[in-house]
């Protein structure tokens, strides 16, 4: 009889472990989903931040051109030239891709 009791106790513990495992799997899936959603939100916020940084840099360049400071004008014009070169390189890449 003692062996049967031990087997029943082991069976009970096994079912309890299976239940815990299934609960942990469900929790893990929920956490993975939350992580994915949070990662997407973070990527969107980074994109917004980059857009604002670009706007800020453009504003600084424009203000540099409008001031009487020659060094600021030169920096602004250099920045504009760099942007034009970047756009030209992109256009060239698009033409190569055709």
N, C-alpha and C. Protein backbone atom coordinates (compact mmCIF):
# COMPACT_ATOMS: atom_id res chain seq x y z
N UNK A 1 0.82 -1.21 0.00
CA UNK A 1 0.00 0.00 0.00
C UNK A 1 0.85 1.26 0.00
N UNK A 2 1.97 1.18 0.63
CA UNK A 2 2.82 2.35 0.73
C UNK A 2 3.31 2.79 -0.64
N UNK A 3 3.58 1.85 -1.53
CA UNK A 3 4.04 2.17 -2.88
C UNK A 3 2.96 2.89 -3.66
N UNK A 4 1.74 2.47 -3.50
CA UNK A 4 0.62 3.10 -4.19
C UNK A 4 0.47 4.54 -3.70
N UNK A 5 0.62 4.77 -2.43
CA UNK A 5 0.51 6.13 -1.87
C UNK A 5 1.63 7.01 -2.43
N UNK A 6 2.81 6.47 -2.52
CA UNK A 6 3.93 7.24 -3.07
C UNK A 6 3.68 7.58 -4.55
N UNK A 7 3.15 6.63 -5.29
CA UNK A 7 2.85 6.88 -6.69
C UNK A 7 1.76 7.94 -6.85
N UNK A 8 0.75 7.89 -6.00
CA UNK A 8 -0.31 8.89 -6.05
C UNK A 8 0.24 10.27 -5.68
N UNK A 9 1.13 10.31 -4.70
CA UNK A 9 1.73 11.58 -4.30
C UNK A 9 2.60 12.13 -5.45
N UNK A 10 3.38 11.27 -6.08
CA UNK A 10 4.19 11.69 -7.23
C UNK A 10 3.33 12.17 -8.38
N UNK A 11 2.24 11.46 -8.61
CA UNK A 11 1.32 11.86 -9.68
C UNK A 11 0.74 13.24 -9.38
N UNK A 12 0.36 13.46 -8.15
CA UNK A 12 -0.19 14.74 -7.74
C UNK A 12 0.84 15.86 -7.92
N UNK A 13 2.06 15.59 -7.54
CA UNK A 13 3.12 16.59 -7.70
C UNK A 13 3.41 16.86 -9.18
N UNK A 14 3.36 15.81 -9.98
CA UNK A 14 3.59 15.96 -11.40
C UNK A 14 2.52 16.84 -12.04
N UNK A 15 1.27 16.61 -11.70
CA UNK A 15 0.18 17.45 -12.23
C UNK A 15 0.34 18.90 -11.78
N UNK A 16 0.76 19.09 -10.55
CA UNK A 16 0.98 20.44 -10.04
C UNK A 16 2.11 21.13 -10.83
N UNK A 17 3.18 20.39 -11.10
CA UNK A 17 4.28 20.94 -11.89
C UNK A 17 3.84 21.27 -13.31
N UNK A 18 3.03 20.41 -13.89
CA UNK A 18 2.53 20.66 -15.24
C UNK A 18 1.68 21.93 -15.25
N UNK A 19 0.84 22.10 -14.26
CA UNK A 19 0.01 23.30 -14.16
C UNK A 19 0.88 24.55 -14.02
N UNK A 20 1.89 24.47 -13.19
CA UNK A 20 2.80 25.61 -13.00
C UNK A 20 3.52 25.93 -14.31
N UNK A 21 3.98 24.89 -14.99
CA UNK A 21 4.69 25.07 -16.25
C UNK A 21 3.80 25.76 -17.28
N UNK A 22 2.56 25.32 -17.38
CA UNK A 22 1.64 25.93 -18.34
C UNK A 22 1.36 27.39 -17.98
N UNK A 23 1.22 27.66 -16.70
CA UNK A 23 1.00 29.05 -16.26
C UNK A 23 2.22 29.91 -16.60
N UNK A 24 3.40 29.36 -16.39
CA UNK A 24 4.61 30.10 -16.70
C UNK A 24 4.77 30.32 -18.21
N UNK A 25 4.38 29.35 -19.00
CA UNK A 25 4.42 29.53 -20.46
C UNK A 25 3.49 30.66 -20.90
N UNK A 26 2.30 30.69 -20.33
CA UNK A 26 1.35 31.76 -20.68
C UNK A 26 1.90 33.12 -20.25
N UNK A 27 2.49 33.18 -19.06
CA UNK A 27 3.05 34.44 -18.57
C UNK A 27 4.22 34.86 -19.47
N UNK A 28 5.03 33.90 -19.89
CA UNK A 28 6.16 34.20 -20.77
C UNK A 28 5.67 34.76 -22.10
N UNK A 29 4.63 34.18 -22.66
CA UNK A 29 4.07 34.68 -23.91
C UNK A 29 3.55 36.11 -23.74
N UNK A 30 2.89 36.36 -22.62
CA UNK A 30 2.39 37.71 -22.37
C UNK A 30 3.55 38.69 -22.24
N UNK A 31 4.61 38.28 -21.56
CA UNK A 31 5.78 39.15 -21.41
C UNK A 31 6.47 39.40 -22.75
N UNK A 32 6.56 38.38 -23.58
CA UNK A 32 7.15 38.55 -24.91
C UNK A 32 6.33 39.52 -25.75
N UNK A 33 5.02 39.42 -25.65
CA UNK A 33 4.15 40.34 -26.39
C UNK A 33 4.34 41.77 -25.88
N UNK A 34 4.39 41.93 -24.57
CA UNK A 34 4.59 43.27 -23.99
C UNK A 34 5.94 43.83 -24.39
N UNK A 35 6.97 42.99 -24.41
CA UNK A 35 8.29 43.43 -24.83
C UNK A 35 8.27 43.89 -26.28
N UNK A 36 7.62 43.14 -27.12
CA UNK A 36 7.53 43.50 -28.53
C UNK A 36 6.81 44.84 -28.71
N UNK A 37 5.72 45.03 -28.00
CA UNK A 37 4.97 46.28 -28.09
C UNK A 37 5.81 47.45 -27.58
N UNK A 38 6.53 47.23 -26.49
CA UNK A 38 7.36 48.28 -25.93
C UNK A 38 8.51 48.61 -26.87
N UNK A 39 9.08 47.60 -27.50
CA UNK A 39 10.16 47.83 -28.47
C UNK A 39 9.65 48.65 -29.65
N UNK A 40 8.46 48.33 -30.12
CA UNK A 40 7.88 49.10 -31.24
C UNK A 40 7.65 50.55 -30.84
N UNK A 41 7.13 50.77 -29.63
CA UNK A 41 6.91 52.13 -29.15
C UNK A 41 8.22 52.89 -29.05
N UNK A 42 9.25 52.22 -28.55
CA UNK A 42 10.56 52.85 -28.41
C UNK A 42 11.13 53.22 -29.78
N UNK A 43 10.99 52.34 -30.76
CA UNK A 43 11.47 52.64 -32.10
C UNK A 43 10.75 53.85 -32.69
N UNK A 44 9.45 53.93 -32.45
CA UNK A 44 8.69 55.09 -32.94
C UNK A 44 9.16 56.37 -32.27
N UNK A 45 9.43 56.30 -30.96
CA UNK A 45 9.90 57.49 -30.24
C UNK A 45 11.29 57.90 -30.72
N UNK A 46 12.14 56.92 -31.03
CA UNK A 46 13.45 57.24 -31.57
C UNK A 46 13.32 57.94 -32.93
N UNK A 47 12.39 57.47 -33.75
CA UNK A 47 12.16 58.09 -35.05
C UNK A 47 11.69 59.53 -34.88
N UNK A 48 10.78 59.75 -33.97
CA UNK A 48 10.29 61.11 -33.70
C UNK A 48 11.45 61.98 -33.22
N UNK A 49 12.26 61.42 -32.34
CA UNK A 49 13.41 62.16 -31.81
C UNK A 49 14.38 62.53 -32.93
N UNK A 50 14.65 61.59 -33.83
CA UNK A 50 15.54 61.89 -34.96
C UNK A 50 14.96 62.99 -35.84
N UNK A 51 13.65 62.93 -36.07
CA UNK A 51 13.00 63.97 -36.89
C UNK A 51 13.14 65.33 -36.24
N UNK A 52 12.92 65.40 -34.93
CA UNK A 52 13.05 66.68 -34.23
C UNK A 52 14.50 67.16 -34.25
N UNK A 53 15.46 66.24 -34.12
CA UNK A 53 16.87 66.62 -34.17
C UNK A 53 17.22 67.20 -35.54
N UNK A 54 16.70 66.58 -36.61
CA UNK A 54 16.94 67.10 -37.95
C UNK A 54 16.34 68.50 -38.12
N UNK A 55 15.14 68.69 -37.60
CA UNK A 55 14.51 70.01 -37.68
C UNK A 55 15.30 71.04 -36.90
N UNK A 56 15.78 70.63 -35.73
CA UNK A 56 16.57 71.53 -34.90
C UNK A 56 17.88 71.91 -35.61
N UNK A 57 18.53 70.92 -36.21
CA UNK A 57 19.78 71.19 -36.93
C UNK A 57 19.53 72.13 -38.12
N UNK A 58 18.43 71.91 -38.82
CA UNK A 58 18.08 72.78 -39.95
C UNK A 58 17.82 74.21 -39.47
N UNK A 59 17.15 74.33 -38.33
CA UNK A 59 16.88 75.65 -37.77
C UNK A 59 18.17 76.34 -37.37
N UNK A 60 19.08 75.59 -36.75
CA UNK A 60 20.37 76.17 -36.38
C UNK A 60 21.11 76.65 -37.62
N UNK A 61 21.06 75.87 -38.69
CA UNK A 61 21.73 76.27 -39.94
C UNK A 61 21.11 77.53 -40.50
N UNK A 62 19.80 77.58 -40.50
CA UNK A 62 19.11 78.76 -41.03
C UNK A 62 19.43 79.98 -40.19
N UNK A 63 19.48 79.83 -38.89
CA UNK A 63 19.80 80.96 -38.02
C UNK A 63 21.25 81.39 -38.23
N UNK A 64 22.12 80.42 -38.50
CA UNK A 64 23.52 80.76 -38.76
C UNK A 64 23.69 81.59 -40.00
N UNK A 65 22.87 81.31 -41.01
CA UNK A 65 22.95 82.08 -42.26
C UNK A 65 22.43 83.49 -42.03
N UNK A 66 21.42 83.65 -41.20
CA UNK A 66 20.79 84.95 -40.99
C UNK A 66 21.55 85.86 -40.03
N UNK A 67 22.55 85.35 -39.34
CA UNK A 67 23.29 86.19 -38.40
C UNK A 67 24.45 86.86 -39.13
N UNK A 68 25.03 87.83 -38.49
CA UNK A 68 26.18 88.52 -39.07
C UNK A 68 27.48 87.78 -38.81
N UNK A 69 27.43 86.69 -38.06
CA UNK A 69 28.62 85.93 -37.70
C UNK A 69 29.08 85.11 -38.91
N UNK A 70 30.24 85.43 -39.44
CA UNK A 70 30.75 84.75 -40.64
C UNK A 70 31.05 83.28 -40.38
N UNK A 71 31.56 82.98 -39.19
CA UNK A 71 31.88 81.58 -38.86
C UNK A 71 30.60 80.74 -38.86
N UNK A 72 29.52 81.30 -38.30
CA UNK A 72 28.24 80.59 -38.27
C UNK A 72 27.71 80.40 -39.69
N UNK A 73 27.89 81.42 -40.54
CA UNK A 73 27.44 81.31 -41.93
C UNK A 73 28.21 80.21 -42.64
N UNK A 74 29.52 80.16 -42.41
CA UNK A 74 30.34 79.14 -43.07
C UNK A 74 29.93 77.74 -42.62
N UNK A 75 29.67 77.59 -41.31
CA UNK A 75 29.22 76.28 -40.80
C UNK A 75 27.89 75.90 -41.42
N UNK A 76 26.97 76.86 -41.50
CA UNK A 76 25.65 76.59 -42.08
C UNK A 76 25.77 76.21 -43.54
N UNK A 77 26.59 76.95 -44.29
CA UNK A 77 26.75 76.63 -45.70
C UNK A 77 27.44 75.28 -45.89
N UNK A 78 28.40 74.98 -45.02
CA UNK A 78 29.05 73.67 -45.09
C UNK A 78 28.04 72.56 -44.81
N UNK A 79 27.17 72.78 -43.84
CA UNK A 79 26.13 71.80 -43.52
C UNK A 79 25.19 71.61 -44.71
N UNK A 80 24.81 72.70 -45.34
CA UNK A 80 23.92 72.63 -46.50
C UNK A 80 24.62 71.89 -47.64
N UNK A 81 25.90 72.20 -47.87
CA UNK A 81 26.65 71.49 -48.92
C UNK A 81 26.71 69.99 -48.64
N UNK A 82 26.92 69.63 -47.38
CA UNK A 82 26.98 68.21 -47.01
C UNK A 82 25.63 67.54 -47.28
N UNK A 83 24.54 68.24 -46.97
CA UNK A 83 23.22 67.68 -47.23
C UNK A 83 22.97 67.52 -48.73
N UNK A 84 23.40 68.50 -49.50
CA UNK A 84 23.24 68.41 -50.95
C UNK A 84 24.03 67.22 -51.50
N UNK A 85 25.26 67.05 -51.01
CA UNK A 85 26.08 65.92 -51.45
C UNK A 85 25.41 64.59 -51.09
N UNK A 86 24.82 64.54 -49.91
CA UNK A 86 24.13 63.32 -49.48
C UNK A 86 22.93 63.02 -50.38
N UNK A 87 22.18 64.06 -50.72
CA UNK A 87 21.03 63.89 -51.62
C UNK A 87 21.50 63.44 -52.99
N UNK A 88 22.59 64.06 -53.49
CA UNK A 88 23.13 63.67 -54.80
C UNK A 88 23.56 62.20 -54.79
N UNK A 89 24.19 61.76 -53.70
CA UNK A 89 24.62 60.36 -53.58
C UNK A 89 23.41 59.43 -53.60
N UNK A 90 22.35 59.83 -52.93
CA UNK A 90 21.12 59.00 -52.91
C UNK A 90 20.52 58.91 -54.30
N UNK A 91 20.49 60.03 -55.00
CA UNK A 91 19.95 60.03 -56.37
C UNK A 91 20.80 59.13 -57.26
N UNK A 92 22.12 59.20 -57.10
CA UNK A 92 22.99 58.35 -57.90
C UNK A 92 22.73 56.89 -57.60
N UNK A 93 22.52 56.55 -56.34
CA UNK A 93 22.21 55.16 -55.97
C UNK A 93 20.90 54.71 -56.61
N UNK A 94 19.91 55.59 -56.63
CA UNK A 94 18.62 55.25 -57.24
C UNK A 94 18.79 55.03 -58.74
N UNK A 95 19.61 55.85 -59.37
CA UNK A 95 19.83 55.69 -60.81
C UNK A 95 20.55 54.40 -61.11
N UNK A 96 21.49 54.00 -60.27
CA UNK A 96 22.21 52.75 -60.46
C UNK A 96 21.25 51.57 -60.30
N UNK A 97 20.30 51.69 -59.37
CA UNK A 97 19.35 50.62 -59.11
C UNK A 97 18.37 50.39 -60.24
N UNK A 98 18.16 51.36 -61.10
CA UNK A 98 17.20 51.20 -62.21
C UNK A 98 17.71 50.33 -63.25
